[in-house]
Each structure stands twice: as structure tokens, then as C-alpha cells.
Amino acid sequence: MDKNLLFTMILQDIKATIKAFELDNFELMNIFGNRIMSNALFSDDGKLALPGFFLKHVAIIYMRLKTHLSSSKFSDAKKVGEEYLATLSNFSKESVEDKLWKDFHEFNNRIRKYIINEIEVEVYEEDPKITHNIFKWLIKYLGDKKDVLLRPNNLFLKGILNEMERLSNVYGCELTDTYAISLLTALDRYFDYFQIAYGTFTGEVDKDKVKSMVFPYIEKIVELFSSEDVKLETVDSILWELIRGWREFFIHYMELPRRTTEKPIALPEEYSKKLAEHIAKALEKELKL
């Protein structure tokens, strides 16, 4: 496809995404972010996908903030996003990946104080070194325990990401940690679709496919972050492979089915009390054994 036409498409996508942000329509902003990454498929230039990946992340953050912040705090938080989006509005063919990443990293470190709760703000001191050291442990742990991904219904990647998000939100993080959590996020999205493509209704996956299509990415990520000398071109290369695979899966399977959550059954109070008594007695017996 003509690169000039494609670049025009991407710029219009970015403009639409920013407009959705201005209107507090973060669900639509998320869709436009996905659209940028999908349009980047028509090119061999992974840089074109970066704004979409970053903007999707911003949309998800503001979806969450909108539900639990007061209107005044949300207004303050939105200013952080406005300043970041202003940098992306200047996206051009000459945009340098290093600057794109640094702006994204700065946004994450600035917005985190609106994500954590008041107790965390008061008690925890910013210390990116804590995050950096534990990220290295988590990435090594992922490599050592990658066979967990062969088990039915596992949420291993989401568990790793949960720890990473908690740490980076509370303590802040270094630029290379932003690289790491971004790669794991892309891998998790890729794996969500992989489970549809090569899984069963009972949650099992094709183990050979996991070993050939997922493990190599984990091995690349583990190797990349085993050193303090993290090469940005390698980060971009792995991220682009994952985004491309994820968006190709989207063409094959469209939206992922939502996880069904069953409503808890409310028991009458007298039955609840009896059940609690039975459990307490059973536990008491076990403790005596």
C-alpha cells in the first residue's frame, strides 16, 4: 500500500482518538486505538502501530478513573492525558521511537498518583528501583515457570501483569520497565486470541502450538531483560511482532467472547448461619488432628 496514504489514515485515526478523549468517550477512544494498530498491518513499519498501542492504554486508564474519581480529581487527571496527547498529535514520519517511548513513560509516571488510593499516596514513597528489581525477578520467574501456560484455564500472564501494574503504580518505574510491561501486555493480548485459535471449550490449549508460537516470545523477552543494556530496536521488533499477530487474530476471530460471571446465590440467613457453623466445626476438627 502507498505509504503516504497509509500515513494519512494513521494521522486521521490519531485525530479521531484525541477527539474521543476530549468528549470523555474512552470506549470509542479504545476502538480508535485498536484501529491504528490494525491499519499498521497494511505496512511493514512497526512504528505506525506505536500510537495505537499507547492510546489504547490511555483509554483503558481513563475508563477506570472515570468510575471512581471525583469530578474535580478526574478533571486534574485528564489534564495529564491532554498534555500527553498533545505530543502524539505531532506524530510524523520523522517521529523518533525513543521520544515516543519517553513521552509514554512520562505519562504513566504522572498519572499513577490518580490510580492509587489515598492511603497508598500517603504511605508509599516513589522508588523506581524497587519496581525495576522486582520486574527482573518476575520476568525470570515467567521464563522459569512458562510451562504453566500449558495448563487449562491458566491466567499466568495476567498474574504477572497484575504484579507489574501494582508495583509500577505504587513506586513508579524506570523507562526499561515501561518497555517490559508493554511487551507483557501485548503478549497477554496475543495469548488471549491464541487460546481461542488453539484452545478447547474446556480451557485446554494445543501444547505444541504454545511451545512453537508463545514460548519463543517469552524466551526473547527473558533474554532482552536479563541485561541492563536493553536495546530499543529489539523492544520495538518484539512488540510489532506481537501486535501484528494479535491484530491478525482479530481479523480471524473478531471480538473475544466476554468471560461469563455467575451471580452469587443468596442463601436465607438461617442457612448461612448453619453453613458457617458447619465450616467452623470442620476447621476446628482439622486443627485438632
C-alpha atoms as a PDB file:
ATOM      1  CA  MET A   1       0.000   0.000   0.000  1.00  0.00           C
ATOM      2  CA  ASP A   2       1.157   3.550  -0.703  1.00  0.00           C
ATOM      3  CA  LYS A   3       2.969   4.727   2.442  1.00  0.00           C
ATOM      4  CA  ASN A   4       1.715   8.296   2.121  1.00  0.00           C
ATOM      5  CA  LEU A   5      -1.909   7.148   2.003  1.00  0.00           C
ATOM      6  CA  LEU A   6      -1.390   4.853   4.968  1.00  0.00           C
ATOM      7  CA  PHE A   7       0.270   7.593   6.976  1.00  0.00           C
ATOM      8  CA  THR A   8      -2.678   9.889   6.220  1.00  0.00           C
ATOM      9  CA  MET A   9      -5.003   7.184   7.574  1.00  0.00           C
ATOM     10  CA  ILE A  10      -2.968   6.866  10.778  1.00  0.00           C
ATOM     11  CA  LEU A  11      -2.971  10.637  11.334  1.00  0.00           C
ATOM     12  CA  GLN A  12      -6.766  10.707  10.941  1.00  0.00           C
ATOM     13  CA  ASP A  13      -7.046   7.813  13.400  1.00  0.00           C
ATOM     14  CA  ILE A  14      -4.936   9.720  15.934  1.00  0.00           C
ATOM     15  CA  LYS A  15      -7.081  12.826  15.450  1.00  0.00           C
ATOM     16  CA  ALA A  16     -10.260  10.774  15.988  1.00  0.00           C
ATOM     17  CA  THR A  17      -8.781   9.187  19.119  1.00  0.00           C
ATOM     18  CA  ILE A  18      -7.906  12.571  20.604  1.00  0.00           C
ATOM     19  CA  LYS A  19     -11.411  13.853  19.793  1.00  0.00           C
ATOM     20  CA  ALA A  20     -12.941  10.878  21.627  1.00  0.00           C
ATOM     21  CA  PHE A  21     -10.734  11.668  24.643  1.00  0.00           C
ATOM     22  CA  GLU A  22     -11.929  15.279  24.646  1.00  0.00           C
ATOM     23  CA  LEU A  23     -15.542  14.024  24.719  1.00  0.00           C
ATOM     24  CA  ASP A  24     -14.807  11.547  27.563  1.00  0.00           C
ATOM     25  CA  ASN A  25     -15.773   8.722  25.210  1.00  0.00           C
ATOM     26  CA  PHE A  26     -12.993   6.392  26.286  1.00  0.00           C
ATOM     27  CA  GLU A  27     -14.673   3.273  24.908  1.00  0.00           C
ATOM     28  CA  LEU A  28     -14.600   4.837  21.440  1.00  0.00           C
ATOM     29  CA  MET A  29     -11.052   6.025  22.087  1.00  0.00           C
ATOM     30  CA  ASN A  30     -10.093   2.403  22.756  1.00  0.00           C
ATOM     31  CA  ILE A  31     -11.659   1.361  19.443  1.00  0.00           C
ATOM     32  CA  PHE A  32      -9.739   4.052  17.569  1.00  0.00           C
ATOM     33  CA  GLY A  33      -6.512   2.915  19.253  1.00  0.00           C
ATOM     34  CA  ASN A  34      -7.158  -0.612  18.009  1.00  0.00           C
ATOM     35  CA  ARG A  35      -7.902   0.808  14.571  1.00  0.00           C
ATOM     36  CA  ILE A  36      -4.468   2.445  14.385  1.00  0.00           C
ATOM     37  CA  MET A  37      -2.792  -0.889  15.109  1.00  0.00           C
ATOM     38  CA  SER A  38      -4.977  -2.686  12.577  1.00  0.00           C
ATOM     39  CA  ASN A  39      -4.191  -0.101   9.907  1.00  0.00           C
ATOM     40  CA  ALA A  40      -0.497  -0.512  10.662  1.00  0.00           C
ATOM     41  CA  LEU A  41      -0.864  -4.110   9.429  1.00  0.00           C
ATOM     42  CA  PHE A  42      -1.025  -2.752   5.889  1.00  0.00           C
ATOM     43  CA  SER A  43       2.567  -1.593   6.275  1.00  0.00           C
ATOM     44  CA  ASP A  44       5.853  -3.178   7.296  1.00  0.00           C
ATOM     45  CA  ASP A  45       6.641  -0.193   9.550  1.00  0.00           C
ATOM     46  CA  GLY A  46       6.009  -1.124  13.180  1.00  0.00           C
ATOM     47  CA  LYS A  47       6.435   2.491  14.275  1.00  0.00           C
ATOM     48  CA  LEU A  48       2.981   3.227  12.879  1.00  0.00           C
ATOM     49  CA  ALA A  49       1.443   0.884  15.457  1.00  0.00           C
ATOM     50  CA  LEU A  50       3.017   2.609  18.472  1.00  0.00           C
ATOM     51  CA  PRO A  51       0.497   5.485  18.758  1.00  0.00           C
ATOM     52  CA  GLY A  52      -2.352   2.961  18.697  1.00  0.00           C
ATOM     53  CA  PHE A  53      -0.774   0.792  21.391  1.00  0.00           C
ATOM     54  CA  PHE A  54      -0.137   3.815  23.606  1.00  0.00           C
ATOM     55  CA  LEU A  55      -3.562   5.383  23.031  1.00  0.00           C
ATOM     56  CA  LYS A  56      -5.372   2.138  23.845  1.00  0.00           C
ATOM     57  CA  HIS A  57      -3.503   2.091  27.156  1.00  0.00           C
ATOM     58  CA  VAL A  58      -4.541   5.690  27.868  1.00  0.00           C
ATOM     59  CA  ALA A  59      -8.176   4.895  27.045  1.00  0.00           C
ATOM     60  CA  ILE A  60      -8.248   1.931  29.430  1.00  0.00           C
ATOM     61  CA  ILE A  61      -6.772   4.019  32.250  1.00  0.00           C
ATOM     62  CA  TYR A  62      -9.359   6.758  31.846  1.00  0.00           C
ATOM     63  CA  MET A  63     -12.218   4.270  31.638  1.00  0.00           C
ATOM     64  CA  ARG A  64     -11.188   3.140  35.125  1.00  0.00           C
ATOM     65  CA  LEU A  65     -10.534   6.619  36.512  1.00  0.00           C
ATOM     66  CA  LYS A  66     -13.908   7.888  35.315  1.00  0.00           C
ATOM     67  CA  THR A  67     -15.700   5.340  37.501  1.00  0.00           C
ATOM     68  CA  HIS A  68     -14.035   6.072  40.843  1.00  0.00           C
ATOM     69  CA  LEU A  69     -12.577   9.600  40.884  1.00  0.00           C
ATOM     70  CA  SER A  70     -14.495  12.670  41.976  1.00  0.00           C
ATOM     71  CA  SER A  71     -15.242  15.133  39.196  1.00  0.00           C
ATOM     72  CA  SER A  72     -12.540  17.550  40.405  1.00  0.00           C
ATOM     73  CA  LYS A  73      -9.864  14.851  40.646  1.00  0.00           C
ATOM     74  CA  PHE A  74     -10.882  13.423  37.302  1.00  0.00           C
ATOM     75  CA  SER A  75     -10.535  16.875  35.788  1.00  0.00           C
ATOM     76  CA  ASP A  76      -6.990  17.102  37.180  1.00  0.00           C
ATOM     77  CA  ALA A  77      -6.171  13.614  35.910  1.00  0.00           C
ATOM     78  CA  LYS A  78      -7.490  14.484  32.492  1.00  0.00           C
ATOM     79  CA  LYS A  79      -5.029  17.367  32.193  1.00  0.00           C
ATOM     80  CA  VAL A  80      -2.207  14.820  32.364  1.00  0.00           C
ATOM     81  CA  GLY A  81      -3.756  12.978  29.430  1.00  0.00           C
ATOM     82  CA  GLU A  82      -4.323  16.172  27.473  1.00  0.00           C
ATOM     83  CA  GLU A  83      -0.645  17.085  27.754  1.00  0.00           C
ATOM     84  CA  TYR A  84       0.407  13.614  26.641  1.00  0.00           C
ATOM     85  CA  LEU A  85      -1.994  13.537  23.689  1.00  0.00           C
ATOM     86  CA  ALA A  86      -0.619  16.892  22.572  1.00  0.00           C
ATOM     87  CA  THR A  87       2.731  15.157  21.995  1.00  0.00           C
ATOM     88  CA  LEU A  88       1.078  12.437  19.882  1.00  0.00           C
ATOM     89  CA  SER A  89      -0.831  14.992  17.841  1.00  0.00           C
ATOM     90  CA  ASN A  90       2.575  15.931  16.411  1.00  0.00           C
ATOM     91  CA  PHE A  91       3.245  12.371  15.211  1.00  0.00           C
ATOM     92  CA  SER A  92       5.007  12.410  11.852  1.00  0.00           C
ATOM     93  CA  LYS A  93       7.145  10.264   9.581  1.00  0.00           C
ATOM     94  CA  GLU A  94      10.160  11.798  11.282  1.00  0.00           C
ATOM     95  CA  SER A  95       8.976  10.889  14.795  1.00  0.00           C
ATOM     96  CA  VAL A  96      11.690   9.031  16.676  1.00  0.00           C
ATOM     97  CA  GLU A  97      10.703   5.897  18.585  1.00  0.00           C
ATOM     98  CA  ASP A  98      12.879   6.862  21.550  1.00  0.00           C
ATOM     99  CA  LYS A  99      10.944  10.118  22.025  1.00  0.00           C
ATOM    100  CA  LEU A 100       7.594   8.347  21.610  1.00  0.00           C
ATOM    101  CA  TRP A 101       8.521   5.902  24.370  1.00  0.00           C
ATOM    102  CA  LYS A 102       9.864   8.577  26.710  1.00  0.00           C
ATOM    103  CA  ASP A 103       6.662  10.613  26.393  1.00  0.00           C
ATOM    104  CA  PHE A 104       4.573   7.487  27.074  1.00  0.00           C
ATOM    105  CA  HIS A 105       6.738   6.604  30.072  1.00  0.00           C
ATOM    106  CA  GLU A 106       6.401  10.115  31.499  1.00  0.00           C
ATOM    107  CA  PHE A 107       2.617   9.956  31.127  1.00  0.00           C
ATOM    108  CA  ASN A 108       2.490   6.692  33.085  1.00  0.00           C
ATOM    109  CA  ASN A 109       4.601   8.046  35.917  1.00  0.00           C
ATOM    110  CA  ARG A 110       2.477  11.196  36.135  1.00  0.00           C
ATOM    111  CA  ILE A 111      -0.933   9.506  36.000  1.00  0.00           C
ATOM    112  CA  ARG A 112      -0.174   6.842  38.602  1.00  0.00           C
ATOM    113  CA  LYS A 113      -0.963   9.124  41.582  1.00  0.00           C
ATOM    114  CA  TYR A 114      -4.562   9.223  40.348  1.00  0.00           C
ATOM    115  CA  ILE A 115      -4.688   5.430  40.021  1.00  0.00           C
ATOM    116  CA  ILE A 116      -3.551   4.528  43.533  1.00  0.00           C
ATOM    117  CA  ASN A 117      -5.684   5.179  46.614  1.00  0.00           C
ATOM    118  CA  GLU A 118      -5.207   7.850  49.275  1.00  0.00           C
ATOM    119  CA  ILE A 119      -3.504   5.506  51.740  1.00  0.00           C
ATOM    120  CA  GLU A 120      -1.005   4.411  49.102  1.00  0.00           C
ATOM    121  CA  VAL A 121      -0.312   8.036  48.192  1.00  0.00           C
ATOM    122  CA  GLU A 122       0.337   8.858  51.850  1.00  0.00           C
ATOM    123  CA  VAL A 123       2.379   5.806  52.852  1.00  0.00           C
ATOM    124  CA  TYR A 124       4.436   4.675  49.856  1.00  0.00           C
ATOM    125  CA  GLU A 125       7.428   6.654  48.663  1.00  0.00           C
ATOM    126  CA  GLU A 126       8.338   6.773  44.996  1.00  0.00           C
ATOM    127  CA  ASP A 127      11.210   4.367  44.399  1.00  0.00           C
ATOM    128  CA  PRO A 128      11.534   3.079  40.815  1.00  0.00           C
ATOM    129  CA  LYS A 129      14.467   0.872  41.834  1.00  0.00           C
ATOM    130  CA  ILE A 130      12.082  -1.361  43.776  1.00  0.00           C
ATOM    131  CA  THR A 131       9.930  -1.802  40.698  1.00  0.00           C
ATOM    132  CA  HIS A 132      12.945  -2.363  38.463  1.00  0.00           C
ATOM    133  CA  ASN A 133      14.429  -5.091  40.663  1.00  0.00           C
ATOM    134  CA  ILE A 134      11.148  -6.955  41.110  1.00  0.00           C
ATOM    135  CA  PHE A 135      10.346  -6.685  37.398  1.00  0.00           C
ATOM    136  CA  LYS A 136      13.595  -8.514  36.687  1.00  0.00           C
ATOM    137  CA  TRP A 137      12.551 -11.212  39.175  1.00  0.00           C
ATOM    138  CA  LEU A 138       9.077 -11.509  37.618  1.00  0.00           C
ATOM    139  CA  ILE A 139      10.449 -11.804  34.080  1.00  0.00           C
ATOM    140  CA  LYS A 140      12.882 -14.520  35.150  1.00  0.00           C
ATOM    141  CA  TYR A 141      10.030 -16.242  37.001  1.00  0.00           C
ATOM    142  CA  LEU A 142       7.931 -16.136  33.823  1.00  0.00           C
ATOM    143  CA  GLY A 143      10.749 -17.814  31.922  1.00  0.00           C
ATOM    144  CA  ASP A 144      11.332 -20.440  34.612  1.00  0.00           C
ATOM    145  CA  LYS A 145       7.621 -21.262  35.005  1.00  0.00           C
ATOM    146  CA  LYS A 146       6.457 -20.840  31.410  1.00  0.00           C
ATOM    147  CA  ASP A 147       5.074 -24.394  31.395  1.00  0.00           C
ATOM    148  CA  VAL A 148       2.177 -23.022  33.467  1.00  0.00           C
ATOM    149  CA  LEU A 149       0.891 -21.691  30.128  1.00  0.00           C
ATOM    150  CA  LEU A 150       0.297 -25.303  29.081  1.00  0.00           C
ATOM    151  CA  ARG A 151      -2.290 -25.795  31.837  1.00  0.00           C
ATOM    152  CA  PRO A 152      -6.040 -25.402  31.196  1.00  0.00           C
ATOM    153  CA  ASN A 153      -7.640 -22.066  32.069  1.00  0.00           C
ATOM    154  CA  ASN A 154      -4.409 -20.531  33.362  1.00  0.00           C
ATOM    155  CA  LEU A 155      -4.134 -16.765  33.850  1.00  0.00           C
ATOM    156  CA  PHE A 156      -0.371 -16.753  34.294  1.00  0.00           C
ATOM    157  CA  LEU A 157       0.385 -13.764  32.069  1.00  0.00           C
ATOM    158  CA  LYS A 158      -2.393 -11.740  33.684  1.00  0.00           C
ATOM    159  CA  GLY A 159      -0.989 -12.657  37.102  1.00  0.00           C
ATOM    160  CA  ILE A 160       2.465 -11.405  36.124  1.00  0.00           C
ATOM    161  CA  LEU A 161       0.932  -8.206  34.716  1.00  0.00           C
ATOM    162  CA  ASN A 162      -1.130  -7.694  37.865  1.00  0.00           C
ATOM    163  CA  GLU A 163       2.046  -7.644  39.960  1.00  0.00           C
ATOM    164  CA  MET A 164       3.817  -5.352  37.495  1.00  0.00           C
ATOM    165  CA  GLU A 165       0.951  -2.862  37.408  1.00  0.00           C
ATOM    166  CA  ARG A 166       0.675  -2.814  41.201  1.00  0.00           C
ATOM    167  CA  LEU A 167       4.384  -2.128  41.649  1.00  0.00           C
ATOM    168  CA  SER A 168       4.701   0.486  38.914  1.00  0.00           C
ATOM    169  CA  ASN A 169       1.609   2.331  40.146  1.00  0.00           C
ATOM    170  CA  VAL A 170       2.805   2.443  43.750  1.00  0.00           C
ATOM    171  CA  TYR A 171       6.537   3.031  43.298  1.00  0.00           C
ATOM    172  CA  GLY A 172       6.881   4.396  39.775  1.00  0.00           C
ATOM    173  CA  CYS A 173       9.216   2.735  37.293  1.00  0.00           C
ATOM    174  CA  GLU A 174      12.183   3.204  35.005  1.00  0.00           C
ATOM    175  CA  LEU A 175      11.934   3.527  31.230  1.00  0.00           C
ATOM    176  CA  THR A 176      13.040  -0.062  30.644  1.00  0.00           C
ATOM    177  CA  ASP A 177      10.268  -1.203  32.993  1.00  0.00           C
ATOM    178  CA  THR A 178       7.760   0.573  30.758  1.00  0.00           C
ATOM    179  CA  TYR A 179       9.225  -1.425  27.874  1.00  0.00           C
ATOM    180  CA  ALA A 180       8.808  -4.637  29.884  1.00  0.00           C
ATOM    181  CA  ILE A 181       5.203  -4.144  30.976  1.00  0.00           C
ATOM    182  CA  SER A 182       4.279  -3.079  27.431  1.00  0.00           C
ATOM    183  CA  LEU A 183       5.717  -6.270  25.937  1.00  0.00           C
ATOM    184  CA  LEU A 184       3.945  -8.422  28.531  1.00  0.00           C
ATOM    185  CA  THR A 185       0.678  -6.575  27.851  1.00  0.00           C
ATOM    186  CA  ALA A 186       0.999  -7.237  24.124  1.00  0.00           C
ATOM    187  CA  LEU A 187       1.903 -10.879  24.781  1.00  0.00           C
ATOM    188  CA  ASP A 188      -1.159 -11.273  27.022  1.00  0.00           C
ATOM    189  CA  ARG A 189      -3.453  -9.868  24.335  1.00  0.00           C
ATOM    190  CA  TYR A 190      -1.849 -12.141  21.759  1.00  0.00           C
ATOM    191  CA  PHE A 191      -2.280 -15.130  24.092  1.00  0.00           C
ATOM    192  CA  ASP A 192      -5.957 -14.323  24.709  1.00  0.00           C
ATOM    193  CA  TYR A 193      -6.605 -14.815  20.998  1.00  0.00           C
ATOM    194  CA  PHE A 194      -4.184 -17.730  20.791  1.00  0.00           C
ATOM    195  CA  GLN A 195      -6.364 -19.561  23.331  1.00  0.00           C
ATOM    196  CA  ILE A 196      -9.375 -19.066  21.052  1.00  0.00           C
ATOM    197  CA  ALA A 197      -7.480 -20.235  17.971  1.00  0.00           C
ATOM    198  CA  TYR A 198      -5.790 -23.248  19.549  1.00  0.00           C
ATOM    199  CA  GLY A 199      -7.888 -23.969  22.618  1.00  0.00           C
ATOM    200  CA  THR A 200     -10.936 -26.025  23.539  1.00  0.00           C
ATOM    201  CA  PHE A 201     -14.177 -25.212  25.318  1.00  0.00           C
ATOM    202  CA  THR A 202     -12.740 -26.816  28.462  1.00  0.00           C
ATOM    203  CA  GLY A 203      -9.850 -24.352  28.543  1.00  0.00           C
ATOM    204  CA  GLU A 204      -7.122 -26.682  27.292  1.00  0.00           C
ATOM    205  CA  VAL A 205      -4.648 -25.490  24.661  1.00  0.00           C
ATOM    206  CA  ASP A 206      -2.590 -27.181  21.978  1.00  0.00           C
ATOM    207  CA  LYS A 207       0.672 -27.641  23.886  1.00  0.00           C
ATOM    208  CA  ASP A 208       2.791 -27.965  20.769  1.00  0.00           C
ATOM    209  CA  LYS A 209       1.404 -24.678  19.462  1.00  0.00           C
ATOM    210  CA  VAL A 210       2.131 -22.969  22.789  1.00  0.00           C
ATOM    211  CA  LYS A 211       5.710 -24.195  22.595  1.00  0.00           C
ATOM    212  CA  SER A 212       6.160 -23.055  18.996  1.00  0.00           C
ATOM    213  CA  MET A 213       4.109 -19.827  18.958  1.00  0.00           C
ATOM    214  CA  VAL A 214       4.260 -18.445  22.518  1.00  0.00           C
ATOM    215  CA  PHE A 215       7.396 -19.750  24.228  1.00  0.00           C
ATOM    216  CA  PRO A 216       9.737 -18.092  21.679  1.00  0.00           C
ATOM    217  CA  TYR A 217       8.355 -14.672  22.651  1.00  0.00           C
ATOM    218  CA  ILE A 218       8.860 -15.407  26.332  1.00  0.00           C
ATOM    219  CA  GLU A 219      12.416 -16.518  25.658  1.00  0.00           C
ATOM    220  CA  LYS A 220      13.112 -13.320  23.688  1.00  0.00           C
ATOM    221  CA  ILE A 221      11.691 -11.165  26.478  1.00  0.00           C
ATOM    222  CA  VAL A 222      13.630 -13.006  29.186  1.00  0.00           C
ATOM    223  CA  GLU A 223      16.858 -12.673  27.235  1.00  0.00           C
ATOM    224  CA  LEU A 224      16.228  -8.991  26.479  1.00  0.00           C
ATOM    225  CA  PHE A 225      15.737  -8.012  30.119  1.00  0.00           C
ATOM    226  CA  SER A 226      18.446 -10.271  31.543  1.00  0.00           C
ATOM    227  CA  SER A 227      20.807  -7.363  30.818  1.00  0.00           C
ATOM    228  CA  GLU A 228      20.656  -3.708  31.844  1.00  0.00           C
ATOM    229  CA  ASP A 229      21.558  -2.825  28.256  1.00  0.00           C
ATOM    230  CA  VAL A 230      18.058  -3.092  26.778  1.00  0.00           C
ATOM    231  CA  LYS A 231      18.046  -2.286  23.061  1.00  0.00           C
ATOM    232  CA  LEU A 232      15.028  -0.242  21.988  1.00  0.00           C
ATOM    233  CA  GLU A 233      15.139  -1.642  18.459  1.00  0.00           C
ATOM    234  CA  THR A 234      14.704  -5.135  19.946  1.00  0.00           C
ATOM    235  CA  VAL A 235      11.787  -3.935  22.088  1.00  0.00           C
ATOM    236  CA  ASP A 236      10.116  -2.402  19.037  1.00  0.00           C
ATOM    237  CA  SER A 237      10.723  -5.525  16.965  1.00  0.00           C
ATOM    238  CA  ILE A 238       9.149  -7.889  19.517  1.00  0.00           C
ATOM    239  CA  LEU A 239       6.259  -5.509  20.181  1.00  0.00           C
ATOM    240  CA  TRP A 240       5.496  -5.198  16.479  1.00  0.00           C
ATOM    241  CA  GLU A 241       5.502  -8.994  16.036  1.00  0.00           C
ATOM    242  CA  LEU A 242       3.041  -9.354  18.916  1.00  0.00           C
ATOM    243  CA  ILE A 243       0.778  -6.528  17.758  1.00  0.00           C
ATOM    244  CA  ARG A 244       0.760  -7.903  14.224  1.00  0.00           C
ATOM    245  CA  GLY A 245      -0.115 -11.403  15.458  1.00  0.00           C
ATOM    246  CA  TRP A 246      -2.790 -10.064  17.797  1.00  0.00           C
ATOM    247  CA  ARG A 247      -4.453  -7.913  15.127  1.00  0.00           C
ATOM    248  CA  GLU A 248      -4.309 -10.753  12.589  1.00  0.00           C
ATOM    249  CA  PHE A 249      -6.053 -12.948  15.160  1.00  0.00           C
ATOM    250  CA  PHE A 250      -8.688 -10.200  15.436  1.00  0.00           C
ATOM    251  CA  ILE A 251      -9.334 -10.463  11.687  1.00  0.00           C
ATOM    252  CA  HIS A 252      -9.841 -14.214  12.121  1.00  0.00           C
ATOM    253  CA  TYR A 253     -11.971 -14.182  15.289  1.00  0.00           C
ATOM    254  CA  MET A 254     -13.188 -10.574  15.803  1.00  0.00           C
ATOM    255  CA  GLU A 255     -14.072  -9.618  19.389  1.00  0.00           C
ATOM    256  CA  LEU A 256     -13.120 -12.004  22.155  1.00  0.00           C
ATOM    257  CA  PRO A 257     -16.075 -13.603  23.946  1.00  0.00           C
ATOM    258  CA  ARG A 258     -16.616 -11.995  27.322  1.00  0.00           C
ATOM    259  CA  ARG A 259     -15.840 -14.101  30.364  1.00  0.00           C
ATOM    260  CA  THR A 260     -19.130 -15.100  31.950  1.00  0.00           C
ATOM    261  CA  THR A 261     -19.532 -14.314  35.622  1.00  0.00           C
ATOM    262  CA  GLU A 262     -22.258 -16.055  37.575  1.00  0.00           C
ATOM    263  CA  LYS A 263     -24.177 -14.059  40.145  1.00  0.00           C
ATOM    264  CA  PRO A 264     -23.729 -15.399  43.688  1.00  0.00           C
ATOM    265  CA  ILE A 265     -26.712 -17.269  45.084  1.00  0.00           C
ATOM    266  CA  ALA A 266     -28.123 -15.535  48.172  1.00  0.00           C
ATOM    267  CA  LEU A 267     -28.895 -18.062  50.922  1.00  0.00           C
ATOM    268  CA  PRO A 268     -31.501 -17.378  53.611  1.00  0.00           C
ATOM    269  CA  GLU A 269     -29.891 -16.037  56.796  1.00  0.00           C
ATOM    270  CA  GLU A 270     -30.613 -19.160  58.895  1.00  0.00           C
ATOM    271  CA  TYR A 271     -28.946 -21.403  56.294  1.00  0.00           C
ATOM    272  CA  SER A 272     -25.965 -19.071  56.080  1.00  0.00           C
ATOM    273  CA  LYS A 273     -25.511 -19.294  59.862  1.00  0.00           C
ATOM    274  CA  LYS A 274     -25.783 -23.097  59.834  1.00  0.00           C
ATOM    275  CA  LEU A 275     -23.305 -23.349  56.969  1.00  0.00           C
ATOM    276  CA  ALA A 276     -20.866 -21.087  58.813  1.00  0.00           C
ATOM    277  CA  GLU A 277     -21.216 -23.252  61.947  1.00  0.00           C
ATOM    278  CA  HIS A 278     -20.534 -26.451  59.977  1.00  0.00           C
ATOM    279  CA  ILE A 279     -17.448 -24.932  58.351  1.00  0.00           C
ATOM    280  CA  ALA A 280     -16.170 -23.674  61.715  1.00  0.00           C
ATOM    281  CA  LYS A 281     -16.633 -27.110  63.305  1.00  0.00           C
ATOM    282  CA  ALA A 282     -14.905 -28.835  60.381  1.00  0.00           C
ATOM    283  CA  LEU A 283     -11.953 -26.478  60.605  1.00  0.00           C
ATOM    284  CA  GLU A 284     -11.779 -26.970  64.361  1.00  0.00           C
ATOM    285  CA  LYS A 285     -11.557 -30.751  63.875  1.00  0.00           C
ATOM    286  CA  GLU A 286      -8.788 -30.369  61.285  1.00  0.00           C
ATOM    287  CA  LEU A 287      -6.791 -28.146  63.612  1.00  0.00           C
ATOM    288  CA  LYS A 288      -7.034 -30.739  66.389  1.00  0.00           C
ATOM    289  CA  LEU A 289      -5.734 -33.532  64.129  1.00  0.00           C
END
